[in-house]
Structure formats: structure tokens, C-alpha cells
């Protein structure tokens, strides 16, 4: 009977440690997801700025392209 209690206690400690590891893994995944989400937002912002700059440059260069097409 004592042996079964010791074994049960040992198994419970093992399960507790596994649960702790799972929670830590979940925390790390959540943290990494937050970092990725932040980087994604920054890339979208940079892409939007590049598109705006490109559009401005095309507007500026449009009169020159008409001159060379004649």
C-alpha cells in the first residue's frame, strides 16, 4: 500500500512537471506570436510607404515620359 502511494505521488509530481513545461511552452509561443504580429504590422506599414513613394515618383516622372514618347 505504501509503495502504491509512493508511485502515485511520483506520477503526480511527474505530471505536475509536464504541465509546468507545457505552460512555459505556451507562454513562449504566445510571446513569439506577439513578436511576429508586431513585425508583420511594421512590414505592412513599410510596404504602404513604399507604394506611396512609388506613386509619387510615377506622378513626378509622368511629364518626362510624355516628352520621350513623341
PDB file of N, CA and C in Angstrom:
ATOM      1  N   UNK A   1       0.818  -1.186   0.000  1.00  0.00           N
ATOM      2  CA  UNK A   1       0.000   0.000   0.000  1.00  0.00           C
ATOM      3  C   UNK A   1       0.870   1.262   0.000  1.00  0.00           C
ATOM      4  N   UNK A   2       1.903   1.252   0.815  1.00  0.00           N
ATOM      5  CA  UNK A   2       2.825   2.388   0.883  1.00  0.00           C
ATOM      6  C   UNK A   2       3.510   2.577  -0.467  1.00  0.00           C
ATOM      7  N   UNK A   3       3.874   1.471  -1.090  1.00  0.00           N
ATOM      8  CA  UNK A   3       4.531   1.542  -2.403  1.00  0.00           C
ATOM      9  C   UNK A   3       3.613   2.174  -3.443  1.00  0.00           C
ATOM     10  N   UNK A   4       2.348   1.821  -3.424  1.00  0.00           N
ATOM     11  CA  UNK A   4       1.418   2.389  -4.409  1.00  0.00           C
ATOM     12  C   UNK A   4       1.238   3.889  -4.176  1.00  0.00           C
ATOM     13  N   UNK A   5       1.248   4.333  -2.928  1.00  0.00           N
ATOM     14  CA  UNK A   5       1.168   5.760  -2.638  1.00  0.00           C
ATOM     15  C   UNK A   5       2.421   6.489  -3.126  1.00  0.00           C
ATOM     16  N   UNK A   6       3.573   5.878  -2.912  1.00  0.00           N
ATOM     17  CA  UNK A   6       4.828   6.483  -3.379  1.00  0.00           C
ATOM     18  C   UNK A   6       4.833   6.595  -4.897  1.00  0.00           C
ATOM     19  N   UNK A   7       4.385   5.513  -5.550  1.00  0.00           N
ATOM     20  CA  UNK A   7       4.336   5.521  -7.012  1.00  0.00           C
ATOM     21  C   UNK A   7       3.349   6.588  -7.499  1.00  0.00           C
ATOM     22  N   UNK A   8       2.186   6.657  -6.860  1.00  0.00           N
ATOM     23  CA  UNK A   8       1.176   7.654  -7.221  1.00  0.00           C
ATOM     24  C   UNK A   8       1.717   9.067  -7.019  1.00  0.00           C
ATOM     25  N   UNK A   9       2.398   9.294  -5.909  1.00  0.00           N
ATOM     26  CA  UNK A   9       2.984  10.605  -5.627  1.00  0.00           C
ATOM     27  C   UNK A   9       4.029  10.953  -6.683  1.00  0.00           C
ATOM     28  N   UNK A  10       4.843   9.974  -7.039  1.00  0.00           N
ATOM     29  CA  UNK A  10       5.870  10.188  -8.056  1.00  0.00           C
ATOM     30  C   UNK A  10       5.235  10.533  -9.406  1.00  0.00           C
ATOM     31  N   UNK A  11       4.182   9.807  -9.769  1.00  0.00           N
ATOM     32  CA  UNK A  11       3.490  10.077 -11.031  1.00  0.00           C
ATOM     33  C   UNK A  11       2.846  11.458 -11.023  1.00  0.00           C
ATOM     34  N   UNK A  12       2.284  11.840  -9.889  1.00  0.00           N
ATOM     35  CA  UNK A  12       1.662  13.163  -9.782  1.00  0.00           C
ATOM     36  C   UNK A  12       2.706  14.267  -9.917  1.00  0.00           C
ATOM     37  N   UNK A  13       3.870  14.072  -9.332  1.00  0.00           N
ATOM     38  CA  UNK A  13       4.954  15.051  -9.459  1.00  0.00           C
ATOM     39  C   UNK A  13       5.413  15.150 -10.907  1.00  0.00           C
ATOM     40  N   UNK A  14       5.483  14.002 -11.582  1.00  0.00           N
ATOM     41  CA  UNK A  14       5.885  13.970 -12.983  1.00  0.00           C
ATOM     42  C   UNK A  14       4.865  14.725 -13.845  1.00  0.00           C
ATOM     43  N   UNK A  15       3.590  14.467 -13.600  1.00  0.00           N
ATOM     44  CA  UNK A  15       2.528  15.149 -14.348  1.00  0.00           C
ATOM     45  C   UNK A  15       2.565  16.647 -14.080  1.00  0.00           C
ATOM     46  N   UNK A  16       2.793  17.013 -12.842  1.00  0.00           N
ATOM     47  CA  UNK A  16       2.877  18.425 -12.478  1.00  0.00           C
ATOM     48  C   UNK A  16       4.020  19.111 -13.229  1.00  0.00           C
ATOM     49  N   UNK A  17       5.151  18.436 -13.314  1.00  0.00           N
ATOM     50  CA  UNK A  17       6.308  18.987 -14.037  1.00  0.00           C
ATOM     51  C   UNK A  17       5.999  19.111 -15.529  1.00  0.00           C
ATOM     52  N   UNK A  18       5.339  18.112 -16.092  1.00  0.00           N
ATOM     53  CA  UNK A  18       4.962  18.163 -17.504  1.00  0.00           C
ATOM     54  C   UNK A  18       4.006  19.322 -17.771  1.00  0.00           C
ATOM     55  N   UNK A  19       3.045  19.522 -16.879  1.00  0.00           N
ATOM     56  CA  UNK A  19       2.103  20.631 -17.029  1.00  0.00           C
ATOM     57  C   UNK A  19       2.825  21.973 -16.955  1.00  0.00           C
ATOM     58  N   UNK A  20       3.789  22.054 -16.063  1.00  0.00           N
ATOM     59  CA  UNK A  20       4.588  23.279 -15.937  1.00  0.00           C
ATOM     60  C   UNK A  20       5.339  23.551 -17.238  1.00  0.00           C
ATOM     61  N   UNK A  21       5.920  22.498 -17.819  1.00  0.00           N
ATOM     62  CA  UNK A  21       6.637  22.646 -19.085  1.00  0.00           C
ATOM     63  C   UNK A  21       5.695  23.061 -20.210  1.00  0.00           C
ATOM     64  N   UNK A  22       4.495  22.498 -20.215  1.00  0.00           N
ATOM     65  CA  UNK A  22       3.510  22.862 -21.236  1.00  0.00           C
ATOM     66  C   UNK A  22       3.127  24.335 -21.105  1.00  0.00           C
ATOM     67  N   UNK A  23       2.877  24.783 -19.880  1.00  0.00           N
ATOM     68  CA  UNK A  23       2.522  26.194 -19.660  1.00  0.00           C
ATOM     69  C   UNK A  23       3.651  27.117 -20.113  1.00  0.00           C
ATOM     70  N   UNK A  24       4.883  26.736 -19.826  1.00  0.00           N
ATOM     71  CA  UNK A  24       6.033  27.546 -20.256  1.00  0.00           C
ATOM     72  C   UNK A  24       6.109  27.584 -21.781  1.00  0.00           C
ATOM     73  N   UNK A  25       5.883  26.445 -22.413  1.00  0.00           N
ATOM     74  CA  UNK A  25       5.881  26.395 -23.876  1.00  0.00           C
ATOM     75  C   UNK A  25       4.785  27.271 -24.461  1.00  0.00           C
ATOM     76  N   UNK A  26       3.614  27.237 -23.856  1.00  0.00           N
ATOM     77  CA  UNK A  26       2.509  28.077 -24.324  1.00  0.00           C
ATOM     78  C   UNK A  26       2.845  29.554 -24.160  1.00  0.00           C
ATOM     79  N   UNK A  27       3.496  29.891 -23.064  1.00  0.00           N
ATOM     80  CA  UNK A  27       3.893  31.286 -22.834  1.00  0.00           C
ATOM     81  C   UNK A  27       4.873  31.748 -23.906  1.00  0.00           C
ATOM     82  N   UNK A  28       5.833  30.878 -24.239  1.00  0.00           N
ATOM     83  CA  UNK A  28       6.817  31.218 -25.261  1.00  0.00           C
ATOM     84  C   UNK A  28       6.163  31.368 -26.631  1.00  0.00           C
ATOM     85  N   UNK A  29       5.226  30.482 -26.951  1.00  0.00           N
ATOM     86  CA  UNK A  29       4.521  30.577 -28.233  1.00  0.00           C
ATOM     87  C   UNK A  29       3.749  31.889 -28.305  1.00  0.00           C
ATOM     88  N   UNK A  30       3.072  32.239 -27.218  1.00  0.00           N
ATOM     89  CA  UNK A  30       2.305  33.488 -27.179  1.00  0.00           C
ATOM     90  C   UNK A  30       3.229  34.689 -27.358  1.00  0.00           C
ATOM     91  N   UNK A  31       4.368  34.664 -26.692  1.00  0.00           N
ATOM     92  CA  UNK A  31       5.339  35.755 -26.803  1.00  0.00           C
ATOM     93  C   UNK A  31       5.861  35.862 -28.235  1.00  0.00           C
ATOM     94  N   UNK A  32       6.214  34.724 -28.825  1.00  0.00           N
ATOM     95  CA  UNK A  32       6.717  34.722 -30.200  1.00  0.00           C
ATOM     96  C   UNK A  32       5.650  35.194 -31.176  1.00  0.00           C
ATOM     97  N   UNK A  33       4.406  34.801 -30.949  1.00  0.00           N
ATOM     98  CA  UNK A  33       3.323  35.239 -31.812  1.00  0.00           C
ATOM     99  C   UNK A  33       3.178  36.754 -31.746  1.00  0.00           C
ATOM    100  N   UNK A  34       3.304  37.314 -30.557  1.00  0.00           N
ATOM    101  CA  UNK A  34       3.234  38.764 -30.399  1.00  0.00           C
ATOM    102  C   UNK A  34       4.346  39.469 -31.163  1.00  0.00           C
ATOM    103  N   UNK A  35       5.540  38.911 -31.119  1.00  0.00           N
ATOM    104  CA  UNK A  35       6.675  39.487 -31.847  1.00  0.00           C
ATOM    105  C   UNK A  35       6.419  39.420 -33.348  1.00  0.00           C
ATOM    106  N   UNK A  36       5.958  38.274 -33.824  1.00  0.00           N
ATOM    107  CA  UNK A  36       5.676  38.107 -35.255  1.00  0.00           C
ATOM    108  C   UNK A  36       4.578  39.065 -35.697  1.00  0.00           C
ATOM    109  N   UNK A  37       3.549  39.200 -34.877  1.00  0.00           N
ATOM    110  CA  UNK A  37       2.443  40.106 -35.205  1.00  0.00           C
ATOM    111  C   UNK A  37       2.942  41.545 -35.310  1.00  0.00           C
ATOM    112  N   UNK A  38       3.805  41.939 -34.397  1.00  0.00           N
ATOM    113  CA  UNK A  38       4.375  43.286 -34.414  1.00  0.00           C
ATOM    114  C   UNK A  38       5.222  43.506 -35.665  1.00  0.00           C
ATOM    115  N   UNK A  39       6.052  42.523 -36.020  1.00  0.00           N
ATOM    116  CA  UNK A  39       6.881  42.625 -37.223  1.00  0.00           C
ATOM    117  C   UNK A  39       6.016  42.692 -38.474  1.00  0.00           C
ATOM    118  N   UNK A  40       4.933  41.952 -38.484  1.00  0.00           N
ATOM    119  CA  UNK A  40       4.017  41.961 -39.623  1.00  0.00           C
ATOM    120  C   UNK A  40       3.405  43.353 -39.804  1.00  0.00           C
ATOM    121  N   UNK A  41       2.983  43.962 -38.704  1.00  0.00           N
ATOM    122  CA  UNK A  41       2.417  45.311 -38.772  1.00  0.00           C
ATOM    123  C   UNK A  41       3.443  46.297 -39.316  1.00  0.00           C
ATOM    124  N   UNK A  42       4.684  46.166 -38.865  1.00  0.00           N
ATOM    125  CA  UNK A  42       5.746  47.061 -39.331  1.00  0.00           C
ATOM    126  C   UNK A  42       6.009  46.862 -40.823  1.00  0.00           C
ATOM    127  N   UNK A  43       6.032  45.617 -41.281  1.00  0.00           N
ATOM    128  CA  UNK A  43       6.241  45.351 -42.709  1.00  0.00           C
ATOM    129  C   UNK A  43       5.094  45.912 -43.550  1.00  0.00           C
ATOM    130  N   UNK A  44       3.882  45.802 -43.059  1.00  0.00           N
ATOM    131  CA  UNK A  44       2.732  46.372 -43.780  1.00  0.00           C
ATOM    132  C   UNK A  44       2.871  47.883 -43.882  1.00  0.00           C
ATOM    133  N   UNK A  45       3.294  48.502 -42.780  1.00  0.00           N
ATOM    134  CA  UNK A  45       3.477  49.959 -42.779  1.00  0.00           C
ATOM    135  C   UNK A  45       4.557  50.365 -43.774  1.00  0.00           C
ATOM    136  N   UNK A  46       5.682  49.648 -43.760  1.00  0.00           N
ATOM    137  CA  UNK A  46       6.772  49.954 -44.687  1.00  0.00           C
ATOM    138  C   UNK A  46       6.342  49.732 -46.133  1.00  0.00           C
ATOM    139  N   UNK A  47       5.575  48.693 -46.388  1.00  0.00           N
ATOM    140  CA  UNK A  47       5.081  48.419 -47.738  1.00  0.00           C
ATOM    141  C   UNK A  47       4.175  49.547 -48.210  1.00  0.00           C
ATOM    142  N   UNK A  48       3.284  49.993 -47.329  1.00  0.00           N
ATOM    143  CA  UNK A  48       2.383  51.091 -47.674  1.00  0.00           C
ATOM    144  C   UNK A  48       3.181  52.353 -48.020  1.00  0.00           C
ATOM    145  N   UNK A  49       4.230  52.646 -47.247  1.00  0.00           N
ATOM    146  CA  UNK A  49       5.069  53.819 -47.524  1.00  0.00           C
ATOM    147  C   UNK A  49       5.782  53.686 -48.867  1.00  0.00           C
ATOM    148  N   UNK A  50       6.284  52.485 -49.167  1.00  0.00           N
ATOM    149  CA  UNK A  50       6.955  52.279 -50.454  1.00  0.00           C
ATOM    150  C   UNK A  50       5.989  52.459 -51.621  1.00  0.00           C
ATOM    151  N   UNK A  51       4.772  51.984 -51.469  1.00  0.00           N
ATOM    152  CA  UNK A  51       3.766  52.151 -52.523  1.00  0.00           C
ATOM    153  C   UNK A  51       3.464  53.630 -52.725  1.00  0.00           C
ATOM    154  N   UNK A  52       3.339  54.371 -51.625  1.00  0.00           N
ATOM    155  CA  UNK A  52       3.072  55.808 -51.726  1.00  0.00           C
ATOM    156  C   UNK A  52       4.229  56.532 -52.411  1.00  0.00           C
ATOM    157  N   UNK A  53       5.450  56.192 -52.035  1.00  0.00           N
ATOM    158  CA  UNK A  53       6.622  56.828 -52.668  1.00  0.00           C
ATOM    159  C   UNK A  53       6.683  56.503 -54.149  1.00  0.00           C
ATOM    160  N   UNK A  54       6.415  55.269 -54.487  1.00  0.00           N
ATOM    161  CA  UNK A  54       6.430  54.858 -55.885  1.00  0.00           C
ATOM    162  C   UNK A  54       5.382  55.628 -56.682  1.00  0.00           C
ATOM    163  N   UNK A  55       4.197  55.773 -56.116  1.00  0.00           N
ATOM    164  CA  UNK A  55       3.133  56.512 -56.797  1.00  0.00           C
ATOM    165  C   UNK A  55       3.545  57.970 -57.002  1.00  0.00           C
ATOM    166  N   UNK A  56       4.154  58.577 -55.982  1.00  0.00           N
ATOM    167  CA  UNK A  56       4.613  59.970 -56.118  1.00  0.00           C
ATOM    168  C   UNK A  56       5.674  60.087 -57.211  1.00  0.00           C
ATOM    169  N   UNK A  57       6.605  59.147 -57.245  1.00  0.00           N
ATOM    170  CA  UNK A  57       7.654  59.186 -58.267  1.00  0.00           C
ATOM    171  C   UNK A  57       7.069  59.030 -59.661  1.00  0.00           C
ATOM    172  N   UNK A  58       6.072  58.169 -59.806  1.00  0.00           N
ATOM    173  CA  UNK A  58       5.443  57.997 -61.115  1.00  0.00           C
ATOM    174  C   UNK A  58       4.759  59.279 -61.563  1.00  0.00           C
ATOM    175  N   UNK A  59       4.119  59.975 -60.618  1.00  0.00           N
ATOM    176  CA  UNK A  59       3.467  61.243 -60.947  1.00  0.00           C
ATOM    177  C   UNK A  59       4.520  62.266 -61.358  1.00  0.00           C
ATOM    178  N   UNK A  60       5.633  62.315 -60.643  1.00  0.00           N
ATOM    179  CA  UNK A  60       6.700  63.265 -60.969  1.00  0.00           C
ATOM    180  C   UNK A  60       7.327  62.959 -62.325  1.00  0.00           C
ATOM    181  N   UNK A  61       7.469  61.681 -62.653  1.00  0.00           N
ATOM    182  CA  UNK A  61       8.132  61.289 -63.893  1.00  0.00           C
ATOM    183  C   UNK A  61       7.192  61.264 -65.093  1.00  0.00           C
ATOM    184  N   UNK A  62       5.911  61.316 -64.876  1.00  0.00           N
ATOM    185  CA  UNK A  62       4.940  61.223 -65.969  1.00  0.00           C
ATOM    186  C   UNK A  62       5.175  62.274 -67.056  1.00  0.00           C
ATOM    187  N   UNK A  63       5.402  63.544 -66.735  1.00  0.00           N
ATOM    188  CA  UNK A  63       5.630  64.532 -67.802  1.00  0.00           C
ATOM    189  C   UNK A  63       6.867  64.205 -68.649  1.00  0.00           C
ATOM    190  N   UNK A  64       7.892  63.652 -68.059  1.00  0.00           N
ATOM    191  CA  UNK A  64       9.105  63.317 -68.801  1.00  0.00           C
ATOM    192  C   UNK A  64       8.862  62.159 -69.756  1.00  0.00           C
ATOM    193  N   UNK A  65       8.039  61.222 -69.358  1.00  0.00           N
ATOM    194  CA  UNK A  65       7.786  60.077 -70.226  1.00  0.00           C
ATOM    195  C   UNK A  65       7.001  60.511 -71.452  1.00  0.00           C
ATOM    196  N   UNK A  66       6.168  61.548 -71.340  1.00  0.00           N
ATOM    197  CA  UNK A  66       5.427  62.051 -72.499  1.00  0.00           C
ATOM    198  C   UNK A  66       6.370  62.718 -73.488  1.00  0.00           C
ATOM    199  N   UNK A  67       7.389  63.410 -72.978  1.00  0.00           N
ATOM    200  CA  UNK A  67       8.357  64.094 -73.839  1.00  0.00           C
ATOM    201  C   UNK A  67       9.142  63.070 -74.655  1.00  0.00           C
ATOM    202  N   UNK A  68       9.564  61.987 -74.051  1.00  0.00           N
ATOM    203  CA  UNK A  68      10.382  60.996 -74.731  1.00  0.00           C
ATOM    204  C   UNK A  68       9.567  60.082 -75.639  1.00  0.00           C
ATOM    205  N   UNK A  69       8.272  60.047 -75.469  1.00  0.00           N
ATOM    206  CA  UNK A  69       7.433  59.185 -76.304  1.00  0.00           C
ATOM    207  C   UNK A  69       7.104  59.834 -77.638  1.00  0.00           C
ATOM    208  N   UNK A  70       7.302  61.130 -77.783  1.00  0.00           N
ATOM    209  CA  UNK A  70       6.941  61.833 -79.028  1.00  0.00           C
ATOM    210  C   UNK A  70       7.898  61.548 -80.140  1.00  0.00           C
TER     211      UNK A  70
END
